[in-house]
């Protein structure tokens, strides 16, 4: 594929070496990951250490009560694998129960939106089955930052400020942690969470009581989490606390310790699509990851090599194909344990040859899912008059294109070690603004259940023990059959738009990883949001201010409703690659938090 723009402006160099690389959404986590590699750990050890650190230093973006999908390539196993750390809905989470509360949508905050927390068990599985270091070695950095403090980033301070009144009026346990002395901590404040540190210290102490065997310690840590004091505290909090949420009312949760004890993460084969030299690997349709594969299935029918990646033709085609793929997400995707999803048809050339014809010269203003006999359902749209509650600032996930938005978001990291092991992970949920801090533990629960519909018969309808159709979307690609690239981004529904853009710029325009991240970006808000209150903005296309004016004018002429955001506002991508003995990485400069490191 041709190179049409080999020397675009970049903010920093692409990292390159032969020993290993780590790229994450926070510089401290990147440093911790590299330290794990330097101490003799592999990519999986580094991933666990990075993940626990991100919970501490980016509490407005992820936490222990959240969830995570991971894609790995283990050179010993010789194949890519997906580890599903997306916890399911509790056993008591029925549509009837929520309807009896007077709800037509799952609230965007509070306890009713909690699924089984998936992160801890997932990192323990990876450490046990893929890693080499001890629990103490991977947990100590995060525990230290929680105990002794870390410099609070500007966006965390701003997020706390947005929900400060909610904390003061309704969530006092959160105020106790995040409003020290009753005040919003300023950016750069050395911020600590001693209760969270104590939780992890207790888990570590109980783990090491199992003796010196590494695996026995990990198993004992798992028991402390899912069968022990952590599960007991979560169960008690959900049963006894009436928590104010986005509905404007107070509700108790339905998550129990039994739900946590019954669930464990599982290893799955990825869903894949061949695009030229590349085989792109994503999660199954319990996540939105297949929408990237569907975009590629549509786009492979166009000659993208000759197009300027900041030009109107390139952007128009990517956006129109994204609209079609996301419409299919709404119509077909759901937990395949509960609903049959026609993924083979959705990725077939015959299906996409017909769908491709819908990507016309003008922007579509309609939501147009495909038709597959015997599958799918009518797309559910939230009411336009869905109530907006004043204290709902913590609802949702995406920062969308407007960096500085105060909704909860996500973190991401990518790692490649010297042996060639690879990890791509997108931890999220359990944000400080998602629900009240559980006082004995120092962290809140997640709100992923807001992605379910409270209507029977839809692929993403709520049901007990069903996985919500998460937006979390790590990515891994093979090139010529060899593992090559791991990448991803925070951003809710926008993740698989920005992820696709990076890939297309890298493959078709020849941009290196840093160039592909730094290039002007955009996203569509055409389809229903996955987050409360589930709104859609048909035809709206948000672009960075760096997109050329002539491109904006032409997109507007083609009927896109173009909104121009700040110059550096779209996405928080990171990426890491292996190319023979070379290791490369890059991280997003937007927001001034993400960094790549390596040697």
Protein backbone atom coordinates (compact mmCIF):
# COMPACT_ATOMS: atom_id res chain seq x y z
CA UNK A 1 0.00 0.00 0.00
CA UNK A 2 1.30 3.41 -0.96
CA UNK A 3 2.84 6.14 1.16
CA UNK A 4 1.30 9.54 0.42
CA UNK A 5 2.26 11.62 3.45
CA UNK A 6 5.56 10.35 4.88
CA UNK A 7 6.58 13.39 6.97
CA UNK A 8 3.62 14.96 8.77
CA UNK A 9 4.04 17.04 11.90
CA UNK A 10 4.37 15.09 15.14
CA UNK A 11 4.60 16.16 18.76
CA UNK A 12 7.21 13.60 19.79
CA UNK A 13 9.22 10.74 18.29
CA UNK A 14 8.00 7.22 17.86
CA UNK A 15 9.74 5.17 20.58
CA UNK A 16 11.96 2.42 19.22
CA UNK A 17 14.17 -0.26 20.73
CA UNK A 18 14.75 -4.00 20.96
CA UNK A 19 14.18 -4.74 24.67
CA UNK A 20 10.54 -3.77 25.15
CA UNK A 21 8.00 -0.94 25.03
CA UNK A 22 5.08 0.26 27.13
CA UNK A 23 2.51 2.88 26.13
CA UNK A 24 -0.27 3.98 28.45
CA UNK A 25 -2.59 6.88 29.17
CA UNK A 26 -0.54 8.04 32.19
CA UNK A 27 3.21 8.54 32.44
CA UNK A 28 3.49 6.99 35.91
CA UNK A 29 1.79 3.78 34.76
CA UNK A 30 4.08 3.63 31.74
CA UNK A 31 7.12 3.95 34.02
CA UNK A 32 5.78 1.21 36.30
CA UNK A 33 5.26 -1.09 33.32
CA UNK A 34 8.80 -0.50 32.09
CA UNK A 35 10.13 -1.13 35.61
CA UNK A 36 8.39 -4.52 35.59
CA UNK A 37 10.10 -5.40 32.32
CA UNK A 38 13.46 -4.18 33.62
CA UNK A 39 13.10 -6.34 36.74
CA UNK A 40 12.80 -9.46 34.61
CA UNK A 41 9.06 -9.62 34.15
CA UNK A 42 7.37 -10.28 30.84
CA UNK A 43 4.67 -8.26 29.06
CA UNK A 44 1.94 -9.86 31.16
CA UNK A 45 3.62 -9.01 34.46
CA UNK A 46 4.09 -5.45 33.19
CA UNK A 47 0.42 -5.33 32.20
CA UNK A 48 -0.76 -6.25 35.69
CA UNK A 49 1.55 -3.72 37.34
CA UNK A 50 0.48 -1.03 34.85
CA UNK A 51 -3.20 -1.78 35.36
CA UNK A 52 -3.14 -1.58 39.15
CA UNK A 53 -1.22 1.70 38.94
CA UNK A 54 -3.73 3.20 36.50
CA UNK A 55 -6.51 2.49 39.02
CA UNK A 56 -4.70 4.75 41.48
CA UNK A 57 -3.41 7.58 39.28
CA UNK A 58 -6.46 7.90 37.01
CA UNK A 59 -9.38 7.28 39.43
CA UNK A 60 -11.72 9.40 37.31
CA UNK A 61 -11.17 6.99 34.42
CA UNK A 62 -11.06 3.51 35.98
CA UNK A 63 -11.03 1.71 39.29
CA UNK A 64 -11.01 -1.68 41.05
CA UNK A 65 -14.81 -1.89 40.76
CA UNK A 66 -14.72 -1.72 36.97
CA UNK A 67 -14.19 -4.10 34.08
CA UNK A 68 -11.63 -4.89 31.38
CA UNK A 69 -11.27 -6.79 28.11
CA UNK A 70 -7.72 -7.80 27.19
CA UNK A 71 -6.19 -9.17 23.99
CA UNK A 72 -2.88 -10.98 24.39
CA UNK A 73 -0.36 -12.76 22.22
CA UNK A 74 1.70 -15.28 24.18
CA UNK A 75 4.64 -16.56 22.11
CA UNK A 76 4.50 -19.88 23.97
CA UNK A 77 0.91 -20.46 22.88
CA UNK A 78 1.44 -18.99 19.42
CA UNK A 79 -1.99 -17.42 19.01
CA UNK A 80 -3.93 -14.29 19.97
CA UNK A 81 -6.45 -14.68 22.79
CA UNK A 82 -9.16 -12.52 24.33
CA UNK A 83 -9.56 -12.48 28.10
CA UNK A 84 -13.08 -11.34 28.92
CA UNK A 85 -12.96 -9.36 32.14
CA UNK A 86 -16.42 -7.92 31.57
CA UNK A 87 -18.46 -8.93 34.58
CA UNK A 88 -22.12 -9.84 33.92
CA UNK A 89 -25.31 -8.40 35.33
CA UNK A 90 -26.14 -9.62 38.84
CA UNK A 91 -28.52 -12.53 39.29
CA UNK A 92 -31.17 -10.16 40.62
CA UNK A 93 -30.94 -7.74 37.70
CA UNK A 94 -34.22 -8.39 35.91
CA UNK A 95 -36.15 -5.99 33.72
CA UNK A 96 -39.14 -6.46 36.02
CA UNK A 97 -37.15 -5.35 39.05
CA UNK A 98 -35.99 -2.15 37.39
CA UNK A 99 -39.44 -1.43 35.97
CA UNK A 100 -40.90 -1.78 39.45
CA UNK A 101 -38.60 1.06 40.47
CA UNK A 102 -40.34 3.24 37.87
CA UNK A 103 -37.38 3.17 35.49
CA UNK A 104 -37.33 2.95 31.71
CA UNK A 105 -33.54 3.21 31.49
CA UNK A 106 -30.88 1.80 33.79
CA UNK A 107 -29.50 4.81 35.71
CA UNK A 108 -26.12 6.13 34.61
CA UNK A 109 -24.81 6.31 38.17
CA UNK A 110 -25.42 4.56 41.47
CA UNK A 111 -25.77 0.97 42.58
CA UNK A 112 -28.46 -0.28 40.19
CA UNK A 113 -25.99 0.06 37.31
CA UNK A 114 -23.34 -2.18 38.91
CA UNK A 115 -22.25 -5.39 37.21
CA UNK A 116 -19.86 -7.91 38.75
CA UNK A 117 -16.46 -6.16 39.02
CA UNK A 118 -14.19 -7.88 36.53
CA UNK A 119 -10.77 -6.27 36.84
CA UNK A 120 -9.15 -7.96 39.84
CA UNK A 121 -9.98 -11.52 38.82
CA UNK A 122 -8.81 -10.79 35.27
CA UNK A 123 -5.42 -9.49 36.37
CA UNK A 124 -5.02 -12.47 38.68
CA UNK A 125 -5.77 -14.87 35.80
CA UNK A 126 -3.20 -13.13 33.60
CA UNK A 127 -0.58 -13.06 36.35
CA UNK A 128 -1.16 -16.72 37.19
CA UNK A 129 -1.36 -18.20 33.68
CA UNK A 130 0.82 -15.86 31.62
CA UNK A 131 3.06 -13.96 34.05
CA UNK A 132 6.16 -14.82 36.06
CA UNK A 133 6.41 -12.26 38.89
CA UNK A 134 4.87 -12.49 42.35
CA UNK A 135 1.75 -10.62 43.44
CA UNK A 136 3.87 -8.43 45.72
CA UNK A 137 6.12 -7.40 42.83
CA UNK A 138 3.27 -6.25 40.57
CA UNK A 139 1.08 -4.73 43.29
CA UNK A 140 3.68 -2.79 45.29
CA UNK A 141 3.92 0.27 42.98
CA UNK A 142 0.16 0.89 42.98
CA UNK A 143 -0.08 0.30 46.71
CA UNK A 144 2.71 2.80 47.26
CA UNK A 145 1.07 5.50 45.14
CA UNK A 146 -2.25 4.97 46.93
CA UNK A 147 -0.57 5.19 50.34
CA UNK A 148 2.02 7.94 49.79
CA UNK A 149 0.27 9.90 47.06
CA UNK A 150 0.66 10.84 43.40
CA UNK A 151 0.39 14.22 41.65
CA UNK A 152 -3.28 14.64 40.78
CA UNK A 153 -3.75 15.32 37.06
CA UNK A 154 -5.74 18.35 35.98
CA UNK A 155 -8.65 16.34 34.56
CA UNK A 156 -9.07 14.39 37.81
CA UNK A 157 -9.25 17.64 39.76
CA UNK A 158 -11.76 19.07 37.28
CA UNK A 159 -13.89 15.93 37.48
CA UNK A 160 -13.97 16.07 41.26
CA UNK A 161 -15.00 19.72 41.05
CA UNK A 162 -17.91 18.83 38.79
CA UNK A 163 -19.30 16.23 41.20
CA UNK A 164 -18.28 17.95 44.44
CA UNK A 165 -21.79 19.10 45.27
CA UNK A 166 -23.18 15.63 44.50
CA UNK A 167 -20.64 14.19 46.93
CA UNK A 168 -21.44 16.74 49.62
CA UNK A 169 -25.22 16.35 49.36
CA UNK A 170 -25.67 12.68 48.54
CA UNK A 171 -22.44 10.64 48.56
CA UNK A 172 -20.59 11.46 51.80
CA UNK A 173 -18.34 8.41 51.57
CA UNK A 174 -16.98 9.76 48.28
CA UNK A 175 -16.57 13.22 49.78
CA UNK A 176 -14.46 11.70 52.55
CA UNK A 177 -11.95 10.42 49.97
CA UNK A 178 -12.05 12.97 47.16
CA UNK A 179 -12.78 16.21 49.04
CA UNK A 180 -10.04 16.23 51.68
CA UNK A 181 -10.81 18.94 54.20
CA UNK A 182 -14.05 19.54 52.31
CA UNK A 183 -12.22 21.04 49.33
CA UNK A 184 -11.56 20.04 45.73
CA UNK A 185 -7.87 19.06 45.54
CA UNK A 186 -5.96 21.29 43.13
CA UNK A 187 -4.08 19.89 40.12
CA UNK A 188 -0.67 18.68 41.19
CA UNK A 189 -1.80 17.96 44.74
CA UNK A 190 -0.08 14.90 46.17
CA UNK A 191 -3.27 12.87 46.41
CA UNK A 192 -3.54 9.61 48.33
CA UNK A 193 -6.20 7.01 49.08
CA UNK A 194 -5.10 5.24 52.27
CA UNK A 195 -8.23 3.09 52.44
CA UNK A 196 -7.60 1.65 48.97
CA UNK A 197 -3.98 1.10 49.97
CA UNK A 198 -5.16 -0.76 53.07
CA UNK A 199 -7.46 -2.93 50.93
CA UNK A 200 -4.61 -4.00 48.69
CA UNK A 201 -2.26 -4.42 51.66
CA UNK A 202 -4.77 -6.76 53.29
CA UNK A 203 -5.20 -8.77 50.07
CA UNK A 204 -1.42 -9.07 49.81
CA UNK A 205 -1.07 -10.15 53.44
CA UNK A 206 -3.79 -12.78 53.06
CA UNK A 207 -2.24 -13.95 49.79
CA UNK A 208 1.19 -14.45 51.35
CA UNK A 209 -0.35 -16.40 54.22
CA UNK A 210 -0.73 -19.20 51.67
CA UNK A 211 3.03 -19.75 51.75
CA UNK A 212 5.81 -19.12 49.27
CA UNK A 213 4.25 -20.66 46.17
CA UNK A 214 3.43 -17.94 43.60
CA UNK A 215 0.29 -19.60 42.26
CA UNK A 216 -1.02 -20.41 45.75
CA UNK A 217 -0.63 -16.75 46.67
CA UNK A 218 -2.56 -15.63 43.60
CA UNK A 219 -5.34 -18.10 44.36
CA UNK A 220 -5.53 -16.86 47.95
CA UNK A 221 -5.75 -13.26 46.69
CA UNK A 222 -8.63 -14.25 44.43
CA UNK A 223 -10.41 -15.79 47.39
CA UNK A 224 -9.97 -12.58 49.40
CA UNK A 225 -11.56 -10.63 46.56
CA UNK A 226 -14.45 -12.75 45.32
CA UNK A 227 -15.18 -14.90 48.36
CA UNK A 228 -13.73 -12.88 51.21
CA UNK A 229 -13.73 -9.45 52.80
CA UNK A 230 -14.01 -7.48 49.52
CA UNK A 231 -17.12 -9.35 48.35
CA UNK A 232 -18.62 -9.13 51.82
CA UNK A 233 -18.19 -5.33 51.95
CA UNK A 234 -19.69 -4.92 48.47
CA UNK A 235 -22.63 -7.17 49.33
CA UNK A 236 -23.33 -5.28 52.54
CA UNK A 237 -23.12 -1.86 50.87
CA UNK A 238 -25.53 -2.84 48.07
CA UNK A 239 -28.04 -4.33 50.52
CA UNK A 240 -28.09 -1.50 53.02
CA UNK A 241 -27.44 1.79 51.18
CA UNK A 242 -30.10 3.80 49.36
CA UNK A 243 -28.01 5.69 46.80
CA UNK A 244 -29.02 8.76 44.81
CA UNK A 245 -28.56 8.25 41.04
CA UNK A 246 -29.34 9.87 37.69
CA UNK A 247 -33.03 8.99 37.99
CA UNK A 248 -33.29 11.60 40.74
CA UNK A 249 -34.25 8.89 43.23
CA UNK A 250 -32.45 6.64 45.70
CA UNK A 251 -32.03 2.94 45.02
CA UNK A 252 -30.31 -0.04 46.54
CA UNK A 253 -28.16 -2.33 44.43
CA UNK A 254 -28.81 -5.91 43.40
CA UNK A 255 -25.17 -7.06 43.21
CA UNK A 256 -24.34 -9.68 45.85
CA UNK A 257 -21.31 -11.49 47.15
CA UNK A 258 -22.75 -14.63 45.60
CA UNK A 259 -22.65 -12.99 42.17
CA UNK A 260 -18.97 -12.28 42.66
CA UNK A 261 -18.20 -15.77 43.91
CA UNK A 262 -19.87 -17.41 40.91
CA UNK A 263 -18.05 -15.43 38.21
CA UNK A 264 -14.57 -15.84 36.78
CA UNK A 265 -13.06 -14.31 33.63
CA UNK A 266 -12.64 -16.55 30.64
CA UNK A 267 -10.31 -16.93 27.69
CA UNK A 268 -11.89 -16.77 24.23
CA UNK A 269 -10.73 -16.82 20.64
CA UNK A 270 -10.84 -13.34 19.08
CA UNK A 271 -13.14 -12.39 16.26
CA UNK A 272 -10.93 -11.61 13.25
CA UNK A 273 -11.03 -9.99 9.82
CA UNK A 274 -8.37 -10.14 7.09
CA UNK A 275 -7.60 -6.73 5.60
CA UNK A 276 -4.83 -6.97 3.02
CA UNK A 277 -1.68 -8.15 4.81
CA UNK A 278 -3.33 -7.74 8.20
CA UNK A 279 -5.51 -9.93 10.40
CA UNK A 280 -7.26 -7.67 12.90
CA UNK A 281 -8.35 -9.25 16.20
CA UNK A 282 -11.19 -7.94 18.37
CA UNK A 283 -13.51 -9.16 21.11
CA UNK A 284 -16.73 -10.92 20.26
CA UNK A 285 -20.08 -9.11 19.93
CA UNK A 286 -20.51 -8.86 23.70
CA UNK A 287 -18.35 -5.80 23.05
CA UNK A 288 -18.50 -3.24 20.28
CA UNK A 289 -15.14 -4.35 18.85
CA UNK A 290 -16.65 -6.03 15.77
CA UNK A 291 -17.76 -2.61 14.50
CA UNK A 292 -14.13 -1.97 13.58
CA UNK A 293 -14.06 -5.22 11.62
CA UNK A 294 -17.32 -4.25 9.91
CA UNK A 295 -15.87 -0.87 8.98
CA UNK A 296 -12.87 -2.62 7.41
CA UNK A 297 -15.14 -5.04 5.57
CA UNK A 298 -16.92 -2.05 4.02
CA UNK A 299 -13.83 0.09 3.42
CA UNK A 300 -11.85 -2.62 1.65
CA UNK A 301 -14.07 -1.96 -1.36
CA UNK A 302 -12.64 1.57 -1.76
CA UNK A 303 -9.22 2.74 -2.95
CA UNK A 304 -7.97 4.48 0.16
CA UNK A 305 -4.29 4.47 -0.86
CA UNK A 306 -4.73 7.53 -3.05
CA UNK A 307 -6.63 9.61 -0.47
CA UNK A 308 -5.35 12.30 1.88
CA UNK A 309 -6.09 11.04 5.44
CA UNK A 310 -7.19 14.58 6.40
CA UNK A 311 -9.16 15.14 3.23
CA UNK A 312 -12.92 15.09 2.73
CA UNK A 313 -13.08 11.87 0.68
CA UNK A 314 -11.18 9.86 3.29
CA UNK A 315 -13.16 11.24 6.24
CA UNK A 316 -16.51 10.94 4.45
CA UNK A 317 -15.95 7.28 3.56
CA UNK A 318 -14.75 6.31 7.03
CA UNK A 319 -17.66 8.11 8.71
CA UNK A 320 -20.33 6.70 6.40
CA UNK A 321 -19.00 3.17 6.87
CA UNK A 322 -18.87 3.72 10.62
CA UNK A 323 -22.53 4.76 10.61
CA UNK A 324 -23.48 1.51 8.88
CA UNK A 325 -21.36 -0.61 11.23
CA UNK A 326 -22.70 1.08 14.36
CA UNK A 327 -26.28 0.70 13.13
CA UNK A 328 -25.63 -3.03 12.93
CA UNK A 329 -24.19 -2.90 16.43
CA UNK A 330 -27.55 -1.61 17.67
CA UNK A 331 -29.54 -4.17 15.72
CA UNK A 332 -27.49 -7.33 16.24
CA UNK A 333 -24.85 -7.20 19.00
CA UNK A 334 -25.30 -8.79 22.40
CA UNK A 335 -23.86 -11.43 24.67
CA UNK A 336 -23.59 -14.55 22.44
CA UNK A 337 -24.33 -16.70 25.49
CA UNK A 338 -27.86 -15.26 25.33
CA UNK A 339 -28.43 -14.21 21.72
CA UNK A 340 -27.19 -15.58 18.41
CA UNK A 341 -25.24 -12.89 16.55
CA UNK A 342 -24.69 -13.44 12.79
CA UNK A 343 -21.04 -12.38 12.81
CA UNK A 344 -20.09 -14.51 9.79
CA UNK A 345 -22.73 -12.76 7.68
CA UNK A 346 -21.89 -9.31 9.07
CA UNK A 347 -18.29 -9.75 7.94
CA UNK A 348 -19.00 -11.52 4.65
CA UNK A 349 -18.17 -9.96 1.31
CA UNK A 350 -21.68 -10.55 -0.07
CA UNK A 351 -23.31 -8.68 2.81
CA UNK A 352 -20.83 -5.82 2.69
CA UNK A 353 -20.96 -5.48 -1.08
CA UNK A 354 -24.62 -4.52 -0.71
CA UNK A 355 -24.09 -2.37 2.37
CA UNK A 356 -21.20 -0.55 0.69
CA UNK A 357 -23.60 0.85 -1.89
CA UNK A 358 -25.25 2.89 0.88
CA UNK A 359 -22.08 4.94 1.39
CA UNK A 360 -23.11 7.54 -1.15
CA UNK A 361 -21.87 10.98 -2.09
CA UNK A 362 -23.88 12.73 0.64
CA UNK A 363 -23.96 12.10 4.38
CA UNK A 364 -26.70 9.82 5.60
CA UNK A 365 -29.03 11.30 8.22
CA UNK A 366 -30.81 8.00 8.87
CA UNK A 367 -29.83 5.00 10.99
CA UNK A 368 -29.70 2.10 8.52
CA UNK A 369 -29.02 -1.34 9.99
CA UNK A 370 -28.77 -4.32 7.68
CA UNK A 371 -31.42 -6.98 7.28
CA UNK A 372 -30.51 -10.60 8.04
CA UNK A 373 -33.42 -13.01 8.12
CA UNK A 374 -34.00 -14.47 11.56
CA UNK A 375 -31.62 -12.11 13.35
CA UNK A 376 -31.61 -8.69 14.94
CA UNK A 377 -34.27 -6.40 16.30
CA UNK A 378 -35.63 -2.95 15.73
CA UNK A 379 -33.27 -0.30 17.06
CA UNK A 380 -34.32 1.19 20.37
CA UNK A 381 -33.99 4.96 20.70
CA UNK A 382 -34.14 6.82 23.97
CA UNK A 383 -36.94 9.31 24.34
CA UNK A 384 -35.95 12.81 23.29
CA UNK A 385 -37.44 14.09 26.54
CA UNK A 386 -35.39 11.73 28.72
CA UNK A 387 -34.96 13.49 32.06
CA UNK A 388 -31.68 15.22 32.75
CA UNK A 389 -30.97 15.29 36.46
CA UNK A 390 -28.83 18.14 37.76
CA UNK A 391 -26.58 15.82 39.77
CA UNK A 392 -25.96 13.43 36.87
CA UNK A 393 -22.47 14.66 36.02
CA UNK A 394 -20.91 11.28 36.63
CA UNK A 395 -23.09 9.45 34.12
CA UNK A 396 -21.84 7.95 30.91
CA UNK A 397 -18.34 7.14 29.78
CA UNK A 398 -17.00 9.07 26.81
CA UNK A 399 -15.02 12.26 26.88
CA UNK A 400 -16.11 12.34 23.22
CA UNK A 401 -14.33 14.97 21.20
CA UNK A 402 -14.36 17.62 23.81
CA UNK A 403 -11.41 16.87 26.01
CA UNK A 404 -12.33 18.18 29.40
CA UNK A 405 -15.77 16.61 29.49
CA UNK A 406 -16.49 15.39 32.99
CA UNK A 407 -18.12 12.07 32.30
CA UNK A 408 -16.28 8.99 33.34
CA UNK A 409 -13.99 7.58 30.71
CA UNK A 410 -11.42 4.87 30.35
CA UNK A 411 -7.71 4.08 30.27
CA UNK A 412 -5.70 2.02 27.82
CA UNK A 413 -2.25 0.51 27.50
CA UNK A 414 -0.21 -1.57 25.07
CA UNK A 415 2.94 -3.56 25.85
CA UNK A 416 5.44 -5.61 23.84
CA UNK A 417 8.37 -7.36 25.53
CA UNK A 418 11.71 -8.61 24.19
CA UNK A 419 10.36 -12.12 23.60
CA UNK A 420 7.53 -10.71 21.48
CA UNK A 421 4.66 -11.19 23.95
CA UNK A 422 1.97 -8.54 23.42
CA UNK A 423 -0.86 -7.09 25.50
CA UNK A 424 -3.61 -4.62 24.60
CA UNK A 425 -6.02 -3.73 27.42
CA UNK A 426 -8.79 -1.19 28.00
CA UNK A 427 -9.67 -1.03 31.71
CA UNK A 428 -12.65 1.14 32.64
CA UNK A 429 -15.53 1.64 35.04
CA UNK A 430 -15.57 2.12 38.76
CA UNK A 431 -14.82 5.81 38.23
CA UNK A 432 -14.83 8.08 41.25
CA UNK A 433 -18.00 9.69 39.85
CA UNK A 434 -19.84 6.42 39.08
CA UNK A 435 -21.24 5.56 42.51
CA UNK A 436 -20.37 6.17 46.17
CA UNK A 437 -17.10 4.92 47.59
CA UNK A 438 -17.55 1.78 49.67
CA UNK A 439 -16.04 3.08 52.93
CA UNK A 440 -14.30 -0.13 54.00
CA UNK A 441 -12.63 -0.55 50.60
CA UNK A 442 -11.85 2.95 49.29
CA UNK A 443 -13.36 2.51 45.82
CA UNK A 444 -16.79 2.64 44.12
CA UNK A 445 -18.54 0.10 41.92
CA UNK A 446 -18.93 0.44 38.16
CA UNK A 447 -22.00 1.33 36.12
CA UNK A 448 -21.68 -0.86 33.02
CA UNK A 449 -25.28 -2.13 33.35
CA UNK A 450 -26.47 1.23 31.97
CA UNK A 451 -25.67 -0.27 28.56
CA UNK A 452 -28.59 -2.70 28.82
CA UNK A 453 -32.08 -1.84 27.56
CA UNK A 454 -35.09 -2.31 29.86
CA UNK A 455 -37.16 -3.71 27.02
CA UNK A 456 -37.62 -7.39 26.21
CA UNK A 457 -36.51 -8.94 22.95
CA UNK A 458 -33.48 -6.81 22.05
CA UNK A 459 -29.99 -8.30 21.66
CA UNK A 460 -28.81 -5.99 24.45
CA UNK A 461 -31.85 -6.40 26.74
CA UNK A 462 -31.08 -6.75 30.45
CA UNK A 463 -31.04 -10.29 31.83
CA UNK A 464 -29.46 -11.88 34.91
CA UNK A 465 -25.89 -13.09 34.37
CA UNK A 466 -25.71 -11.50 30.90
CA UNK A 467 -22.73 -9.45 29.79
CA UNK A 468 -23.54 -5.84 28.85
CA UNK A 469 -22.56 -4.80 25.34
CA UNK A 470 -19.48 -2.94 26.45
CA UNK A 471 -17.74 -0.23 24.41
CA UNK A 472 -14.31 -1.30 25.69
CA UNK A 473 -12.30 -2.35 22.67
CA UNK A 474 -8.61 -3.35 22.73
CA UNK A 475 -7.10 -4.35 19.38
CA UNK A 476 -4.33 -6.58 18.09
CA UNK A 477 -3.29 -7.19 14.50
CA UNK A 478 -1.12 -9.76 12.77
CA UNK A 479 0.83 -8.79 9.65
CA UNK A 480 1.63 -11.54 7.18
CA UNK A 481 0.55 -13.98 9.88
CA UNK A 482 2.95 -12.65 12.51
CA UNK A 483 1.84 -10.64 15.58
CA UNK A 484 2.51 -7.00 14.77
CA UNK A 485 0.47 -4.24 16.39
CA UNK A 486 -1.46 -3.64 19.65
CA UNK A 487 -3.45 -0.42 20.05
CA UNK A 488 -6.54 1.24 21.45
CA UNK A 489 -8.02 4.28 23.14
CA UNK A 490 -10.48 5.43 25.77
CA UNK A 491 -13.63 7.13 24.52
CA UNK A 492 -16.80 5.05 24.82
CA UNK A 493 -18.63 4.81 21.50
CA UNK A 494 -15.77 6.67 19.82
CA UNK A 495 -13.16 4.01 20.57
CA UNK A 496 -13.65 2.02 17.38
CA UNK A 497 -13.79 5.17 15.31
CA UNK A 498 -10.40 6.46 16.50
CA UNK A 499 -8.92 2.93 16.53
CA UNK A 500 -9.94 2.51 12.88
CA UNK A 501 -8.55 5.90 11.92
CA UNK A 502 -5.12 5.10 13.37
CA UNK A 503 -5.02 1.81 11.50
CA UNK A 504 -6.05 3.34 8.18
CA UNK A 505 -3.53 6.16 8.48
CA UNK A 506 -0.78 3.66 9.31
CA UNK A 507 -1.68 1.16 6.57
CA UNK A 508 -2.77 3.42 3.72
CA UNK A 509 -0.85 6.64 4.32
CA UNK A 510 2.34 5.08 5.67
CA UNK A 511 2.33 7.10 8.87
CA UNK A 512 4.34 5.68 11.76
CA UNK A 513 2.56 5.09 15.05
CA UNK A 514 3.20 8.54 16.51
CA UNK A 515 2.27 10.27 13.27
CA UNK A 516 -0.93 8.23 13.05
CA UNK A 517 -1.86 9.23 16.61
CA UNK A 518 -1.00 12.91 16.18
CA UNK A 519 -2.86 13.37 12.89
CA UNK A 520 -6.14 15.36 13.01
CA UNK A 521 -9.04 13.15 14.09
CA UNK A 522 -12.83 13.17 14.23
CA UNK A 523 -15.88 11.18 15.34
CA UNK A 524 -19.54 10.71 14.49
CA UNK A 525 -22.36 11.01 17.02
CA UNK A 526 -24.93 9.71 14.54
CA UNK A 527 -26.02 6.58 16.42
CA UNK A 528 -27.49 6.01 19.91
CA UNK A 529 -25.00 6.41 22.73
CA UNK A 530 -24.28 3.33 24.79
CA UNK A 531 -24.63 5.44 27.94
CA UNK A 532 -27.45 7.02 29.84
CA UNK A 533 -29.57 8.78 28.57
CA UNK A 534 -28.82 6.91 25.28
CA UNK A 535 -29.17 9.95 23.01
CA UNK A 536 -28.23 10.12 19.32
CA UNK A 537 -27.30 13.14 17.20
CA UNK A 538 -28.07 12.13 13.60
CA UNK A 539 -25.60 13.45 11.05
CA UNK A 540 -23.34 15.18 13.60
CA UNK A 541 -19.63 14.92 12.84
CA UNK A 542 -17.19 16.40 15.36
CA UNK A 543 -13.74 17.25 13.99
CA UNK A 544 -10.61 18.68 15.52
CA UNK A 545 -9.82 22.29 14.71
CA UNK A 546 -6.72 21.09 12.88
CA UNK A 547 -8.80 19.45 10.16
CA UNK A 548 -8.29 21.72 7.14
CA UNK A 549 -10.94 24.38 6.59
CA UNK A 550 -11.40 23.25 3.01
CA UNK A 551 -12.14 19.74 4.26
CA UNK A 552 -14.70 21.05 6.75
CA UNK A 553 -16.37 23.10 4.02
CA UNK A 554 -16.58 20.12 1.68
CA UNK A 555 -17.93 17.81 4.41
CA UNK A 556 -20.58 20.41 5.19
CA UNK A 557 -21.47 20.59 1.50
CA UNK A 558 -21.96 16.82 1.61
CA UNK A 559 -24.61 17.29 4.33
CA UNK A 560 -22.53 16.38 7.38
CA UNK A 561 -23.48 18.49 10.39
CA UNK A 562 -19.92 19.46 11.22
CA UNK A 563 -18.94 20.71 14.67
CA UNK A 564 -15.37 21.94 15.02
CA UNK A 565 -13.76 21.20 18.37
CA UNK A 566 -10.42 22.28 19.87
CA UNK A 567 -7.27 21.52 17.91
CA UNK A 568 -6.13 18.62 20.13
CA UNK A 569 -9.31 17.04 21.43
CA UNK A 570 -10.02 13.70 19.74
CA UNK A 571 -9.02 10.43 21.39
CA UNK A 572 -6.29 9.18 23.73
CA UNK A 573 -4.70 6.51 21.54
CA UNK A 574 -1.67 4.43 22.43
CA UNK A 575 0.05 1.78 20.32
CA UNK A 576 2.91 -0.72 20.47
CA UNK A 577 4.37 -2.88 17.71
CA UNK A 578 6.85 -5.68 17.11
CA UNK A 579 8.66 -5.83 13.77
CA UNK A 580 11.32 -8.51 13.78
CA UNK A 581 13.56 -7.68 16.73
CA UNK A 582 12.42 -4.05 16.76
CA UNK A 583 9.89 -2.80 19.30
CA UNK A 584 8.01 0.45 18.66
CA UNK A 585 5.49 2.49 20.65
CA UNK A 586 3.65 5.80 20.67
CA UNK A 587 1.18 7.61 22.90
CA UNK A 588 -1.30 10.42 22.60
CA UNK A 589 -0.19 13.98 23.47
CA UNK A 590 -3.78 15.19 23.93
CA UNK A 591 -4.47 15.90 27.58
CA UNK A 592 -0.75 15.82 28.42
CA UNK A 593 -0.90 12.50 30.30
CA UNK A 594 -0.14 9.62 27.93
CA UNK A 595 3.44 8.52 27.31
CA UNK A 596 5.32 5.69 25.66
CA UNK A 597 8.64 4.35 26.91
CA UNK A 598 11.03 1.68 25.79
CA UNK A 599 14.58 0.78 24.93
